[in-house]
Amino acid sequence: MAGEIRDQHDEQAAAMAEAAALTRAGRLAEATALIQRTLAGSDGRGRGAGLESPLEREGPATEPPSRRCPDGGLRGLLRERLGRVVDHLRTTSTSTSPDLSALKPDVSALRNLSALPGLADLPGLGRQGAAAPAMPALPGRTDIRTYRGPAGERPYILYIPTTGAGPRPLIVMLHGGTQTAADFAAATRMSALAEEHGFLVAYPEQVRSANVMRYWNWFEPGDQQRGAGEPAILAGIVAEIAAQSAVDPDRVYVVGFSAGAAMAAVLAATYPDVVAAAGVHSGLPHGCAHDLASAFAAMRQGRRVRPVDRTVPVIAFHGDADTTVEPGNATHVVEQFSRGPATGVSTSERGPGRSAAKTVVRRDGAVIAEQWTVHGLGHAWSGGTAGGSYTDPAGPDASAEMVRFFAEHPRRTVR
């Protein structure tokens, strides 16, 4: 296997050298076509080396191969940005052979792609191979499970606290791209809050067979509807936990970060009878994209979408210094789920090192949404664990605020 990967690397390096020569000769169309053929010829063997999750070592969940492009859409994105690569070759090439070490597209293991011009802004790309932080040591029980249902299967971690009695609330936590369930648990400290407040918390994990970068496929039409795709899988995880543990059906909540936040919005929109309220951190509204290209457009520019059919209380966190997902998307999320303008009473809140503007949206005297804009926060979980993946400990504690918001929002009839 290692030999196959090295051979593939050599072929890609040779192809890039030839593309550079074609570019210097002014034959840009041929250079582009060559790069396209090289990328199309990578079949993904060995992809993800060193990126295995502990859940996948327990036995990876799989998706029917026909449902997904084997690279989770990444190859399409590479083709979309080939023009930038060619522009780079044209402007940097000289009469001598260029140094191609930064231009070898290691597509099989997704190692060096961030070095390619135009690809450095891919969220999470620079973290490939980073070790997951340790799960917190808590007195409750941590189970590693795999849900299997008609729409597919996914592994998940379930934390069962020693506190609480009778039917307990359940919070479903959806990680961001390149993260694992263990990453997200450690970064957000939600299990510690579960132990403190007596609720169950589940961490589903995206698998590389569904998306090689571990993005939840919130931008795929087949994963944006009830009864199919990833929303159905996540709803199935909730049903499975409820069948095995005492879960309060009026206190089931979903939280996500980045791609996980966008999928949390999808789940809340498609299963409002399951989700009592949602937490969307650095995410996007449901239905703002229909493929990878429109997903990146929505991430960069934001996109207002139609309101959901049924109001779902939502708390949205976003950093105003986020350059990965346009901060205005938080406003669109609040507008979509509150089915009205994202306006209300605003106050200033403080974290250990950052302040935030908190806007509370009410209807008929009831709070239906909160929007937190954290000043100076980039694409990171506000108030997360120091050293965790995509965390900024200086901000207000998003995890604690979401738990507080959820405690105030059991399911009720809101039309």
Protein backbone atom coordinates (compact mmCIF):
# COMPACT_ATOMS: atom_id res chain seq x y z
CA MET A 1 0.00 0.00 0.00
CA ALA A 2 2.80 2.45 0.90
CA GLY A 3 4.47 1.66 -2.42
CA GLU A 4 1.26 2.38 -4.31
CA ILE A 5 0.95 5.75 -2.60
CA ARG A 6 4.59 6.63 -3.37
CA ASP A 7 4.07 5.65 -7.01
CA GLN A 8 0.97 7.83 -7.15
CA HIS A 9 2.92 10.73 -5.63
CA ASP A 10 5.68 10.32 -8.23
CA GLU A 11 3.14 10.29 -11.05
CA GLN A 12 1.48 13.42 -9.70
CA ALA A 13 4.82 15.22 -9.30
CA ALA A 14 5.81 14.31 -12.86
CA ALA A 15 2.45 15.53 -14.14
CA MET A 16 2.85 18.83 -12.30
CA ALA A 17 6.35 19.26 -13.76
CA GLU A 18 4.97 18.69 -17.24
CA ALA A 19 2.12 21.11 -16.54
CA ALA A 20 4.67 23.74 -15.49
CA ALA A 21 6.58 23.27 -18.73
CA LEU A 22 3.37 23.58 -20.76
CA THR A 23 2.47 26.74 -18.89
CA ARG A 24 5.89 28.31 -19.55
CA ALA A 25 5.32 27.56 -23.21
CA GLY A 26 1.99 29.38 -23.09
CA ARG A 27 -0.05 26.19 -23.55
CA LEU A 28 -2.36 26.84 -20.59
CA ALA A 29 -5.31 24.81 -21.88
CA GLU A 30 -3.09 21.74 -22.20
CA ALA A 31 -1.63 22.32 -18.73
CA THR A 32 -5.11 22.54 -17.23
CA ALA A 33 -6.26 19.40 -19.02
CA LEU A 34 -3.21 17.51 -17.78
CA ILE A 35 -3.87 18.49 -14.17
CA GLN A 36 -7.50 17.49 -14.57
CA ARG A 37 -6.53 14.07 -15.92
CA THR A 38 -4.06 13.58 -13.07
CA LEU A 39 -6.63 14.36 -10.42
CA ALA A 40 -9.30 12.27 -12.13
CA GLY A 41 -6.91 9.34 -12.23
CA SER A 42 -6.49 9.25 -8.44
CA ASP A 43 -8.76 6.45 -7.23
CA GLY A 44 -8.42 7.19 -3.53
CA ARG A 45 -6.49 4.10 -2.47
CA GLY A 46 -4.76 4.82 0.80
CA ARG A 47 -6.87 7.96 1.25
CA GLY A 48 -7.08 9.10 4.81
CA ALA A 49 -3.90 7.42 6.04
CA GLY A 50 -3.23 8.55 9.56
CA LEU A 51 -6.74 10.05 9.89
CA GLU A 52 -8.48 7.08 11.44
CA SER A 53 -10.90 7.85 14.23
CA PRO A 54 -11.13 5.74 17.39
CA LEU A 55 -14.76 5.05 16.44
CA GLU A 56 -13.70 3.69 13.07
CA ARG A 57 -11.20 1.40 14.74
CA GLU A 58 -14.18 -0.08 16.57
CA GLY A 59 -15.66 -0.91 13.20
CA PRO A 60 -16.34 1.77 10.61
CA ALA A 61 -19.85 2.62 9.54
CA THR A 62 -20.23 2.65 5.80
CA GLU A 63 -22.38 4.28 3.15
CA PRO A 64 -23.50 2.65 -0.11
CA PRO A 65 -20.69 3.55 -2.56
CA SER A 66 -23.17 4.72 -5.18
CA ARG A 67 -24.36 7.56 -2.93
CA ARG A 68 -21.11 9.50 -2.80
CA CYS A 69 -18.28 10.70 -4.93
CA PRO A 70 -15.32 8.81 -3.40
CA ASP A 71 -13.59 12.04 -2.37
CA GLY A 72 -16.65 13.66 -0.81
CA GLY A 73 -16.72 16.33 -3.54
CA LEU A 74 -13.14 17.47 -3.02
CA ARG A 75 -12.05 16.58 -6.55
CA GLY A 76 -14.80 18.80 -7.94
CA LEU A 77 -13.51 21.65 -5.82
CA LEU A 78 -9.97 21.07 -7.06
CA ARG A 79 -11.14 21.25 -10.65
CA GLU A 80 -13.06 24.42 -9.88
CA ARG A 81 -9.84 26.05 -8.66
CA LEU A 82 -7.41 24.77 -11.28
CA GLY A 83 -7.34 28.21 -12.81
CA ARG A 84 -5.64 29.53 -9.70
CA VAL A 85 -3.03 26.78 -9.89
CA VAL A 86 -2.32 27.58 -13.52
CA ASP A 87 -2.10 31.31 -12.75
CA HIS A 88 0.42 30.48 -10.03
CA LEU A 89 2.50 28.41 -12.43
CA ARG A 90 2.39 31.15 -15.05
CA THR A 91 3.51 33.91 -12.67
CA THR A 92 6.19 31.96 -10.80
CA SER A 93 7.76 29.80 -13.51
CA THR A 94 11.25 30.69 -14.78
CA SER A 95 13.60 29.43 -17.42
CA THR A 96 14.90 26.88 -14.95
CA SER A 97 12.94 24.02 -13.50
CA PRO A 98 10.65 25.26 -10.73
CA ASP A 99 10.56 23.78 -7.25
CA LEU A 100 7.46 21.62 -7.36
CA SER A 101 7.62 20.33 -3.79
CA ALA A 102 4.81 22.67 -2.73
CA LEU A 103 2.70 21.77 -5.74
CA LYS A 104 2.48 17.99 -5.40
CA PRO A 105 -1.24 17.29 -4.92
CA ASP A 106 -1.21 14.37 -2.50
CA VAL A 107 -4.87 13.63 -3.16
CA SER A 108 -4.68 10.11 -1.75
CA ALA A 109 -3.89 11.16 1.82
CA LEU A 110 -4.96 14.82 1.56
CA ARG A 111 -1.66 15.96 3.03
CA ASN A 112 -0.23 18.77 0.90
CA LEU A 113 -3.33 20.23 -0.71
CA SER A 114 -3.26 23.37 1.43
CA ALA A 115 0.01 24.32 -0.28
CA LEU A 116 -1.74 24.65 -3.63
CA PRO A 117 -2.76 28.23 -4.45
CA GLY A 118 -6.50 28.72 -4.01
CA LEU A 119 -6.88 25.80 -1.62
CA ALA A 120 -5.42 27.20 1.60
CA ASP A 121 -8.85 28.46 2.69
CA LEU A 122 -10.45 25.03 2.78
CA PRO A 123 -11.75 24.75 6.35
CA GLY A 124 -9.83 22.14 8.29
CA LEU A 125 -7.41 21.19 5.53
CA GLY A 126 -4.36 22.19 7.56
CA ARG A 127 -5.42 19.90 10.42
CA GLN A 128 -5.14 16.65 8.50
CA GLY A 129 -3.42 14.06 10.69
CA ALA A 130 -3.67 16.13 13.88
CA ALA A 131 -4.10 14.02 16.99
CA ALA A 132 -7.47 14.15 18.70
CA PRO A 133 -7.41 15.61 22.22
CA ALA A 134 -8.21 13.26 25.07
CA MET A 135 -11.81 12.86 26.16
CA PRO A 136 -12.42 14.36 29.61
CA ALA A 137 -12.31 11.97 32.57
CA LEU A 138 -15.83 11.91 34.02
CA PRO A 139 -17.68 9.56 36.39
CA GLY A 140 -20.44 8.70 33.93
CA ARG A 141 -20.46 5.98 31.28
CA THR A 142 -19.13 6.56 27.77
CA ASP A 143 -20.47 4.14 25.17
CA ILE A 144 -19.22 3.74 21.61
CA ARG A 145 -22.05 2.61 19.38
CA THR A 146 -23.00 2.32 15.72
CA TYR A 147 -26.46 3.12 14.42
CA ARG A 148 -27.61 1.14 11.39
CA GLY A 149 -30.80 2.03 9.55
CA PRO A 150 -32.41 2.17 6.09
CA ALA A 151 -30.71 5.48 5.21
CA GLY A 152 -27.24 4.37 6.30
CA GLU A 153 -25.14 3.98 9.41
CA ARG A 154 -22.88 6.11 11.57
CA PRO A 155 -20.85 5.52 14.74
CA TYR A 156 -21.49 7.72 17.73
CA ILE A 157 -20.34 8.32 21.28
CA LEU A 158 -23.00 8.46 23.99
CA TYR A 159 -22.22 9.93 27.39
CA ILE A 160 -24.59 8.79 30.17
CA PRO A 161 -24.11 10.90 33.32
CA THR A 162 -24.39 9.70 36.89
CA THR A 163 -26.76 12.60 37.57
CA GLY A 164 -30.39 13.05 36.60
CA ALA A 165 -33.37 10.76 37.01
CA GLY A 166 -36.37 9.71 34.96
CA PRO A 167 -36.66 10.81 31.32
CA ARG A 168 -33.67 13.05 30.68
CA PRO A 169 -32.91 15.65 27.98
CA LEU A 170 -30.70 14.60 25.07
CA ILE A 171 -28.30 16.88 23.20
CA VAL A 172 -26.92 15.68 19.84
CA MET A 173 -23.54 17.24 18.99
CA LEU A 174 -22.40 17.45 15.34
CA HIS A 175 -18.68 18.10 14.78
CA GLY A 176 -17.13 20.27 12.09
CA GLY A 177 -15.11 19.26 9.04
CA THR A 178 -11.94 17.19 9.72
CA GLN A 179 -13.00 16.78 13.36
CA THR A 180 -14.03 13.52 15.00
CA ALA A 181 -16.65 12.91 17.65
CA ALA A 182 -13.90 12.72 20.29
CA ASP A 183 -12.42 16.01 19.02
CA PHE A 184 -15.74 17.74 19.43
CA ALA A 185 -16.47 16.25 22.84
CA ALA A 186 -13.13 17.47 24.17
CA ALA A 187 -13.34 20.87 22.45
CA THR A 188 -16.80 21.77 23.74
CA ARG A 189 -16.74 20.11 27.20
CA MET A 190 -20.39 19.21 26.70
CA SER A 191 -20.01 15.90 28.53
CA ALA A 192 -18.89 17.76 31.66
CA LEU A 193 -22.00 19.91 31.40
CA ALA A 194 -24.06 16.75 30.92
CA GLU A 195 -22.66 15.40 34.18
CA GLU A 196 -23.38 18.69 35.92
CA HIS A 197 -26.94 19.08 34.68
CA GLY A 198 -28.05 15.49 34.21
CA PHE A 199 -28.68 15.18 30.47
CA LEU A 200 -27.55 12.64 27.88
CA VAL A 201 -25.21 13.79 25.13
CA ALA A 202 -24.50 12.02 21.84
CA TYR A 203 -21.68 12.72 19.39
CA PRO A 204 -22.38 11.20 15.96
CA GLU A 205 -19.35 10.95 13.71
CA GLN A 206 -19.16 11.49 9.98
CA VAL A 207 -17.27 8.73 8.20
CA ARG A 208 -14.72 9.10 5.44
CA SER A 209 -16.69 6.81 3.16
CA ALA A 210 -19.41 9.50 3.11
CA ASN A 211 -17.08 12.51 3.00
CA VAL A 212 -13.31 12.19 3.04
CA MET A 213 -12.92 15.49 4.92
CA ARG A 214 -15.56 14.42 7.47
CA TYR A 215 -17.91 17.23 6.50
CA TRP A 216 -21.55 16.48 7.11
CA ASN A 217 -23.09 16.70 3.64
CA TRP A 218 -25.44 19.59 4.42
CA PHE A 219 -25.07 20.93 0.86
CA GLU A 220 -26.24 17.73 -0.89
CA PRO A 221 -29.95 17.71 -1.94
CA GLY A 222 -30.20 14.06 -0.84
CA ASP A 223 -29.10 15.08 2.66
CA GLN A 224 -31.46 18.01 3.05
CA GLN A 225 -34.79 16.25 3.33
CA ARG A 226 -36.80 14.25 5.80
CA GLY A 227 -36.74 10.49 5.55
CA ALA A 228 -33.47 10.19 3.62
CA GLY A 229 -29.74 10.70 3.87
CA GLU A 230 -27.97 12.06 6.89
CA PRO A 231 -31.00 13.76 8.51
CA ALA A 232 -32.73 10.37 8.63
CA ILE A 233 -29.59 8.75 10.06
CA LEU A 234 -29.35 11.38 12.81
CA ALA A 235 -33.05 11.11 13.61
CA GLY A 236 -32.52 7.35 13.76
CA ILE A 237 -29.71 7.81 16.30
CA VAL A 238 -32.11 9.83 18.48
CA ALA A 239 -34.76 7.10 18.20
CA GLU A 240 -32.22 4.39 19.03
CA ILE A 241 -31.01 6.21 22.15
CA ALA A 242 -34.61 6.86 23.23
CA ALA A 243 -35.40 3.15 22.84
CA GLN A 244 -32.49 2.17 25.09
CA SER A 245 -32.50 5.01 27.63
CA ALA A 246 -35.12 7.19 29.27
CA VAL A 247 -35.19 10.27 27.02
CA ASP A 248 -37.63 13.16 27.41
CA PRO A 249 -39.06 13.52 23.88
CA ASP A 250 -39.82 17.19 24.52
CA ARG A 251 -36.19 17.93 25.37
CA VAL A 252 -34.18 16.68 22.39
CA TYR A 253 -31.77 19.28 21.03
CA VAL A 254 -29.16 19.45 18.28
CA VAL A 255 -25.93 21.47 18.26
CA GLY A 256 -23.29 21.81 15.58
CA PHE A 257 -20.14 23.66 14.59
CA SER A 258 -19.30 24.73 11.03
CA ALA A 259 -20.43 21.92 8.68
CA GLY A 260 -21.99 20.27 11.73
CA ALA A 261 -23.87 23.51 12.45
CA ALA A 262 -25.20 23.56 8.91
CA MET A 263 -26.36 19.96 9.36
CA ALA A 264 -27.91 20.88 12.73
CA ALA A 265 -29.98 23.46 10.84
CA VAL A 266 -30.96 20.78 8.32
CA LEU A 267 -32.05 18.39 11.09
CA ALA A 268 -34.04 21.07 12.93
CA ALA A 269 -35.77 22.11 9.70
CA THR A 270 -36.61 18.59 8.55
CA TYR A 271 -37.44 17.03 11.94
CA PRO A 272 -39.09 19.81 14.01
CA ASP A 273 -41.15 17.09 15.70
CA VAL A 274 -37.90 15.57 17.02
CA VAL A 275 -35.75 18.65 17.67
CA ALA A 276 -37.10 21.03 20.34
CA ALA A 277 -34.40 23.67 19.76
CA ALA A 278 -31.08 24.03 17.93
CA GLY A 279 -27.64 25.51 18.56
CA VAL A 280 -25.84 26.70 15.41
CA HIS A 281 -22.21 27.78 15.87
CA SER A 282 -20.39 29.26 12.86
CA GLY A 283 -22.90 27.62 10.53
CA LEU A 284 -25.35 28.31 7.73
CA PRO A 285 -29.12 28.12 7.24
CA HIS A 286 -30.92 25.11 5.84
CA GLY A 287 -31.25 25.04 2.05
CA CYS A 288 -28.68 27.73 1.27
CA ALA A 289 -26.72 25.42 -1.08
CA HIS A 290 -27.40 22.57 -3.48
CA ASP A 291 -23.88 21.46 -4.38
CA LEU A 292 -20.25 22.10 -3.42
CA ALA A 293 -19.89 25.27 -5.49
CA SER A 294 -22.99 26.90 -4.02
CA ALA A 295 -21.90 25.77 -0.55
CA PHE A 296 -18.63 27.69 -0.83
CA ALA A 297 -20.49 30.68 -2.25
CA ALA A 298 -22.85 30.67 0.76
CA MET A 299 -19.91 30.27 3.14
CA ARG A 300 -18.16 33.31 1.69
CA GLN A 301 -21.06 35.60 0.92
CA GLY A 302 -23.99 34.37 3.01
CA ARG A 303 -27.40 33.65 1.61
CA ARG A 304 -30.86 34.52 2.87
CA VAL A 305 -33.31 31.62 2.48
CA ARG A 306 -37.00 31.06 3.03
CA PRO A 307 -38.31 30.54 6.58
CA VAL A 308 -38.89 27.02 7.87
CA ASP A 309 -42.43 25.69 7.93
CA ARG A 310 -42.49 25.45 11.71
CA THR A 311 -40.71 27.74 14.16
CA VAL A 312 -37.84 26.09 16.03
CA PRO A 313 -36.11 28.03 18.84
CA VAL A 314 -32.47 28.63 17.90
CA ILE A 315 -29.35 30.03 19.52
CA ALA A 316 -26.69 31.08 17.02
CA PHE A 317 -23.05 31.87 17.82
CA HIS A 318 -20.65 33.37 15.29
CA GLY A 319 -17.38 35.29 15.39
CA ASP A 320 -17.27 38.62 13.57
CA ALA A 321 -13.67 37.79 12.52
CA ASP A 322 -14.64 34.47 10.89
CA THR A 323 -13.10 34.35 7.41
CA THR A 324 -14.27 30.80 6.67
CA VAL A 325 -18.03 31.23 7.08
CA GLU A 326 -19.47 34.72 6.53
CA PRO A 327 -20.74 35.99 9.92
CA GLY A 328 -23.96 37.24 8.32
CA ASN A 329 -25.05 33.62 8.04
CA ALA A 330 -25.92 33.71 11.75
CA THR A 331 -28.51 36.39 11.01
CA HIS A 332 -29.94 34.25 8.21
CA VAL A 333 -30.17 31.26 10.56
CA VAL A 334 -32.07 33.27 13.17
CA GLU A 335 -34.39 34.75 10.54
CA GLN A 336 -35.08 31.32 9.06
CA PHE A 337 -35.97 29.55 12.30
CA SER A 338 -37.76 32.43 14.01
CA ARG A 339 -39.59 33.16 10.75
CA GLY A 340 -39.04 36.88 11.07
CA PRO A 341 -36.43 39.64 11.34
CA ALA A 342 -33.42 38.90 13.54
CA THR A 343 -34.07 41.99 15.63
CA GLY A 344 -34.70 42.36 19.33
CA VAL A 345 -33.17 43.57 22.56
CA SER A 346 -29.36 43.63 22.42
CA THR A 347 -26.96 43.49 25.34
CA SER A 348 -23.20 43.19 25.74
CA GLU A 349 -21.80 39.98 27.22
CA ARG A 350 -18.23 39.16 28.19
CA GLY A 351 -16.08 36.08 28.18
CA PRO A 352 -12.62 35.70 29.73
CA GLY A 353 -11.06 37.78 26.97
CA ARG A 354 -13.69 38.61 24.37
CA SER A 355 -16.97 40.49 24.40
CA ALA A 356 -20.10 39.61 22.46
CA ALA A 357 -23.28 41.31 21.34
CA LYS A 358 -26.29 39.22 22.34
CA THR A 359 -29.60 39.86 20.58
CA VAL A 360 -32.75 38.24 22.01
CA VAL A 361 -35.64 37.77 19.58
CA ARG A 362 -39.16 37.46 21.04
CA ARG A 363 -42.58 36.67 19.67
CA ASP A 364 -45.77 37.02 21.71
CA GLY A 365 -43.61 37.61 24.77
CA ALA A 366 -41.65 34.35 24.37
CA VAL A 367 -37.95 34.14 23.47
CA ILE A 368 -37.62 32.23 20.21
CA ALA A 369 -34.01 33.03 19.28
CA GLU A 370 -30.70 34.37 20.52
CA GLN A 371 -27.90 35.61 18.31
CA TRP A 372 -24.40 35.95 19.79
CA THR A 373 -21.81 37.87 17.77
CA VAL A 374 -18.42 37.37 19.42
CA HIS A 375 -16.02 40.20 18.70
CA GLY A 376 -12.63 39.14 17.37
CA LEU A 377 -13.57 35.45 17.20
CA GLY A 378 -12.50 33.56 14.09
CA HIS A 379 -13.76 30.17 12.90
CA ALA A 380 -13.70 28.55 16.33
CA TRP A 381 -15.94 27.39 19.16
CA SER A 382 -16.38 30.26 21.60
CA GLY A 383 -15.14 29.41 25.08
CA GLY A 384 -13.90 25.99 24.07
CA THR A 385 -11.11 23.96 25.62
CA ALA A 386 -7.61 25.45 25.35
CA GLY A 387 -5.69 23.47 22.75
CA GLY A 388 -8.83 21.85 21.35
CA SER A 389 -9.61 21.75 17.66
CA TYR A 390 -11.22 24.98 16.45
CA THR A 391 -11.61 26.54 19.89
CA ASP A 392 -11.12 30.01 21.35
CA PRO A 393 -11.16 29.90 25.16
CA ALA A 394 -11.28 33.71 25.35
CA GLY A 395 -14.87 33.96 24.17
CA PRO A 396 -18.10 33.53 26.13
CA ASP A 397 -18.87 29.87 26.88
CA ALA A 398 -21.07 28.80 23.96
CA SER A 399 -21.62 25.33 25.44
CA ALA A 400 -22.93 26.69 28.74
CA GLU A 401 -25.12 29.28 27.01
CA MET A 402 -26.65 26.66 24.75
CA VAL A 403 -27.41 24.38 27.69
CA ARG A 404 -29.04 27.34 29.46
CA PHE A 405 -31.07 28.21 26.33
CA PHE A 406 -32.21 24.61 25.90
CA ALA A 407 -33.32 24.39 29.54
CA GLU A 408 -35.60 27.34 28.79
CA HIS A 409 -37.00 25.76 25.63
CA PRO A 410 -38.77 22.41 26.01
CA ARG A 411 -40.97 21.60 23.03
CA ARG A 412 -44.09 23.67 22.81
CA THR A 413 -46.50 24.50 20.04
CA VAL A 414 -45.16 27.54 18.22
CA ARG A 415 -46.63 28.33 14.85
